[in-house]
Amino acid sequence: MTTTIKVALAGAGAFGLRHLDAIKEIVGVEAVSLVGRELDKTKEAAAKYGVGHFTTDLADTLRLSGLDAVILATSTQMHAAQALQCLKAGKHVQVEIPLADSLKDAEAVVAMQKESGLVAMVGHTRRFNPSHHPT
């Protein structure tokens, strides 16, 4: 029996859509919700990627039945508060860099992760870019 991991993406901009491109290629992972700032653009992107639910409110997405995790590709200033919101809702969360725009907020996310036992991770894909490694 195969389990499908149901994820939501918050951030329907260019980098968020790169996540949707990648999710399409991962067996056993399904994007079930897209959260964006502008409803019309979010609806258009959701249709393009076959995402059944779209909204401008992360709280709407967090109430979806069966949702496992959320990817945050939103503005830096929103990262910590949204990560906390996801963890409090019982969802695993992956946050694009940086985790927060202050040490205090980053520490709050770490504390909530420890309390919840959920996965909270920061995506730093540029670390795989050859320009970031000495030869």
C-alpha atoms as a PDB file:
ATOM      1  CA  MET A   1       0.000   0.000   0.000  1.00  0.00           C
ATOM      2  CA  THR A   2       1.409   3.378  -1.016  1.00  0.00           C
ATOM      3  CA  THR A   3       0.774   6.435   1.107  1.00  0.00           C
ATOM      4  CA  THR A   4       0.471   9.777  -0.612  1.00  0.00           C
ATOM      5  CA  ILE A   5       1.926  12.750   1.239  1.00  0.00           C
ATOM      6  CA  LYS A   6      -0.396  15.715   0.822  1.00  0.00           C
ATOM      7  CA  VAL A   7       1.339  19.078   0.801  1.00  0.00           C
ATOM      8  CA  ALA A   8       0.267  22.671   0.443  1.00  0.00           C
ATOM      9  CA  LEU A   9       2.335  25.465  -0.990  1.00  0.00           C
ATOM     10  CA  ALA A  10       2.116  29.003   0.333  1.00  0.00           C
ATOM     11  CA  GLY A  11       3.652  31.413  -2.128  1.00  0.00           C
ATOM     12  CA  ALA A  12       2.389  31.330  -5.692  1.00  0.00           C
ATOM     13  CA  GLY A  13       5.238  33.436  -7.076  1.00  0.00           C
ATOM     14  CA  ALA A  14       8.054  32.282  -9.323  1.00  0.00           C
ATOM     15  CA  PHE A  15       9.936  30.345  -6.652  1.00  0.00           C
ATOM     16  CA  GLY A  16       6.783  28.751  -5.299  1.00  0.00           C
ATOM     17  CA  LEU A  17       5.902  27.527  -8.759  1.00  0.00           C
ATOM     18  CA  ARG A  18       9.331  25.892  -8.961  1.00  0.00           C
ATOM     19  CA  HIS A  19       8.249  23.823  -5.962  1.00  0.00           C
ATOM     20  CA  LEU A  20       5.113  22.771  -7.830  1.00  0.00           C
ATOM     21  CA  ASP A  21       7.264  21.752 -10.811  1.00  0.00           C
ATOM     22  CA  ALA A  22       9.329  19.565  -8.496  1.00  0.00           C
ATOM     23  CA  ILE A  23       6.347  18.089  -6.645  1.00  0.00           C
ATOM     24  CA  LYS A  24       4.920  16.856  -9.966  1.00  0.00           C
ATOM     25  CA  GLU A  25       8.055  14.729 -10.353  1.00  0.00           C
ATOM     26  CA  ILE A  26       7.939  13.087  -6.901  1.00  0.00           C
ATOM     27  CA  VAL A  27       6.019   9.826  -6.692  1.00  0.00           C
ATOM     28  CA  GLY A  28       3.804   9.709  -3.618  1.00  0.00           C
ATOM     29  CA  VAL A  29       3.551  13.469  -3.116  1.00  0.00           C
ATOM     30  CA  GLU A  30       0.520  15.532  -4.110  1.00  0.00           C
ATOM     31  CA  ALA A  31       0.056  19.296  -3.952  1.00  0.00           C
ATOM     32  CA  VAL A  32      -3.478  19.751  -2.602  1.00  0.00           C
ATOM     33  CA  SER A  33      -3.601  23.489  -1.921  1.00  0.00           C
ATOM     34  CA  LEU A  34      -2.019  26.679  -3.173  1.00  0.00           C
ATOM     35  CA  VAL A  35      -1.971  29.876  -1.120  1.00  0.00           C
ATOM     36  CA  GLY A  36      -1.217  33.160  -2.847  1.00  0.00           C
ATOM     37  CA  ARG A  37      -1.632  36.892  -2.372  1.00  0.00           C
ATOM     38  CA  GLU A  38      -3.883  37.517  -5.371  1.00  0.00           C
ATOM     39  CA  LEU A  39      -6.840  35.156  -5.785  1.00  0.00           C
ATOM     40  CA  ASP A  40      -7.050  35.350  -9.595  1.00  0.00           C
ATOM     41  CA  LYS A  41      -3.353  34.602 -10.107  1.00  0.00           C
ATOM     42  CA  THR A  42      -3.478  31.853  -7.482  1.00  0.00           C
ATOM     43  CA  LYS A  43      -6.516  30.275  -9.153  1.00  0.00           C
ATOM     44  CA  GLU A  44      -4.732  30.380 -12.516  1.00  0.00           C
ATOM     45  CA  ALA A  45      -1.600  28.716 -11.121  1.00  0.00           C
ATOM     46  CA  ALA A  46      -3.665  26.095  -9.278  1.00  0.00           C
ATOM     47  CA  ALA A  47      -5.462  25.221 -12.514  1.00  0.00           C
ATOM     48  CA  LYS A  48      -2.187  25.003 -14.429  1.00  0.00           C
ATOM     49  CA  TYR A  49      -0.691  22.596 -11.879  1.00  0.00           C
ATOM     50  CA  GLY A  50      -3.852  20.628 -11.132  1.00  0.00           C
ATOM     51  CA  VAL A  51      -4.052  21.797  -7.527  1.00  0.00           C
ATOM     52  CA  GLY A  52      -7.641  21.375  -6.371  1.00  0.00           C
ATOM     53  CA  HIS A  53      -7.764  23.999  -3.618  1.00  0.00           C
ATOM     54  CA  PHE A  54      -6.583  27.593  -3.732  1.00  0.00           C
ATOM     55  CA  THR A  55      -6.941  30.502  -1.344  1.00  0.00           C
ATOM     56  CA  THR A  56      -5.367  33.707  -0.107  1.00  0.00           C
ATOM     57  CA  ASP A  57      -5.603  32.593   3.535  1.00  0.00           C
ATOM     58  CA  LEU A  58      -3.182  30.028   4.964  1.00  0.00           C
ATOM     59  CA  ALA A  59      -5.697  29.240   7.733  1.00  0.00           C
ATOM     60  CA  ASP A  60      -8.144  27.936   5.086  1.00  0.00           C
ATOM     61  CA  THR A  61      -5.511  25.535   3.830  1.00  0.00           C
ATOM     62  CA  LEU A  62      -4.513  24.370   7.299  1.00  0.00           C
ATOM     63  CA  ARG A  63      -8.096  23.222   7.888  1.00  0.00           C
ATOM     64  CA  LEU A  64      -8.029  20.828   4.929  1.00  0.00           C
ATOM     65  CA  SER A  65      -8.568  17.204   5.862  1.00  0.00           C
ATOM     66  CA  GLY A  66      -5.571  14.966   5.278  1.00  0.00           C
ATOM     67  CA  LEU A  67      -3.031  17.759   4.807  1.00  0.00           C
ATOM     68  CA  ASP A  68       0.390  16.546   5.979  1.00  0.00           C
ATOM     69  CA  ALA A  69       2.811  19.389   5.333  1.00  0.00           C
ATOM     70  CA  VAL A  70       3.225  22.929   4.075  1.00  0.00           C
ATOM     71  CA  ILE A  71       5.997  24.498   2.022  1.00  0.00           C
ATOM     72  CA  LEU A  72       6.443  28.209   2.689  1.00  0.00           C
ATOM     73  CA  ALA A  73       7.820  30.161  -0.267  1.00  0.00           C
ATOM     74  CA  THR A  74       6.446  33.460   0.965  1.00  0.00           C
ATOM     75  CA  SER A  75       8.042  36.773   1.907  1.00  0.00           C
ATOM     76  CA  THR A  76      10.783  36.590   4.531  1.00  0.00           C
ATOM     77  CA  GLN A  77       8.784  38.748   6.943  1.00  0.00           C
ATOM     78  CA  MET A  78       6.036  36.095   6.972  1.00  0.00           C
ATOM     79  CA  HIS A  79       8.181  32.983   7.446  1.00  0.00           C
ATOM     80  CA  ALA A  80       8.333  32.661  11.223  1.00  0.00           C
ATOM     81  CA  ALA A  81       4.677  33.501  11.883  1.00  0.00           C
ATOM     82  CA  GLN A  82       3.512  31.148   9.144  1.00  0.00           C
ATOM     83  CA  ALA A  83       5.842  28.364  10.296  1.00  0.00           C
ATOM     84  CA  LEU A  84       4.419  28.697  13.809  1.00  0.00           C
ATOM     85  CA  GLN A  85       0.902  28.678  12.392  1.00  0.00           C
ATOM     86  CA  CYS A  86       1.615  25.437  10.516  1.00  0.00           C
ATOM     87  CA  LEU A  87       3.219  23.727  13.497  1.00  0.00           C
ATOM     88  CA  LYS A  88       0.367  24.765  15.803  1.00  0.00           C
ATOM     89  CA  ALA A  89      -2.034  23.243  13.269  1.00  0.00           C
ATOM     90  CA  GLY A  90      -0.133  19.946  13.468  1.00  0.00           C
ATOM     91  CA  LYS A  91       1.527  20.182  10.045  1.00  0.00           C
ATOM     92  CA  HIS A  92       5.123  19.555   9.090  1.00  0.00           C
ATOM     93  CA  VAL A  93       6.684  22.623   7.473  1.00  0.00           C
ATOM     94  CA  GLN A  94       9.508  23.459   5.109  1.00  0.00           C
ATOM     95  CA  VAL A  95      10.483  27.123   4.993  1.00  0.00           C
ATOM     96  CA  GLU A  96      12.482  28.768   2.268  1.00  0.00           C
ATOM     97  CA  ILE A  97      15.486  30.760   3.493  1.00  0.00           C
ATOM     98  CA  PRO A  98      15.712  32.538   5.767  1.00  0.00           C
ATOM     99  CA  LEU A  99      13.717  30.925   8.573  1.00  0.00           C
ATOM    100  CA  ALA A 100      13.007  34.323  10.094  1.00  0.00           C
ATOM    101  CA  ASP A 101      14.140  37.912   9.973  1.00  0.00           C
ATOM    102  CA  SER A 102      15.133  37.954  13.651  1.00  0.00           C
ATOM    103  CA  LEU A 103      16.892  35.575  16.001  1.00  0.00           C
ATOM    104  CA  LYS A 104      13.991  35.814  18.447  1.00  0.00           C
ATOM    105  CA  ASP A 105      11.492  34.657  15.828  1.00  0.00           C
ATOM    106  CA  ALA A 106      13.773  31.854  14.639  1.00  0.00           C
ATOM    107  CA  GLU A 107      14.170  30.653  18.215  1.00  0.00           C
ATOM    108  CA  ALA A 108      10.368  30.655  18.612  1.00  0.00           C
ATOM    109  CA  VAL A 109      10.030  28.355  15.598  1.00  0.00           C
ATOM    110  CA  VAL A 110      12.708  26.027  16.958  1.00  0.00           C
ATOM    111  CA  ALA A 111      10.976  25.917  20.353  1.00  0.00           C
ATOM    112  CA  MET A 112       7.616  25.104  18.744  1.00  0.00           C
ATOM    113  CA  GLN A 113       9.220  22.409  16.606  1.00  0.00           C
ATOM    114  CA  LYS A 114      10.705  20.771  19.695  1.00  0.00           C
ATOM    115  CA  GLU A 115       7.392  21.004  21.527  1.00  0.00           C
ATOM    116  CA  SER A 116       5.396  19.583  18.604  1.00  0.00           C
ATOM    117  CA  GLY A 117       7.852  16.914  17.468  1.00  0.00           C
ATOM    118  CA  LEU A 118       6.950  17.759  13.874  1.00  0.00           C
ATOM    119  CA  VAL A 119       9.470  18.277  11.101  1.00  0.00           C
ATOM    120  CA  ALA A 120      10.364  21.932  10.598  1.00  0.00           C
ATOM    121  CA  MET A 121      13.138  22.457   8.097  1.00  0.00           C
ATOM    122  CA  VAL A 122      14.684  25.276   6.147  1.00  0.00           C
ATOM    123  CA  GLY A 123      15.269  24.790   2.440  1.00  0.00           C
ATOM    124  CA  HIS A 124      18.680  25.930   1.334  1.00  0.00           C
ATOM    125  CA  THR A 125      18.983  24.504  -2.151  1.00  0.00           C
ATOM    126  CA  ARG A 126      21.734  26.905  -3.146  1.00  0.00           C
ATOM    127  CA  ARG A 127      24.122  24.877  -1.025  1.00  0.00           C
ATOM    128  CA  PHE A 128      24.134  22.421  -3.938  1.00  0.00           C
ATOM    129  CA  ASN A 129      25.161  25.135  -6.382  1.00  0.00           C
ATOM    130  CA  PRO A 130      28.804  24.606  -7.466  1.00  0.00           C
ATOM    131  CA  SER A 131      29.458  28.329  -7.082  1.00  0.00           C
ATOM    132  CA  HIS A 132      29.075  27.888  -3.300  1.00  0.00           C
ATOM    133  CA  HIS A 133      31.789  25.253  -2.942  1.00  0.00           C
ATOM    134  CA  PRO A 134      35.550  25.660  -3.138  1.00  0.00           C
ATOM    135  CA  THR A 135      37.260  23.483  -5.730  1.00  0.00           C
END
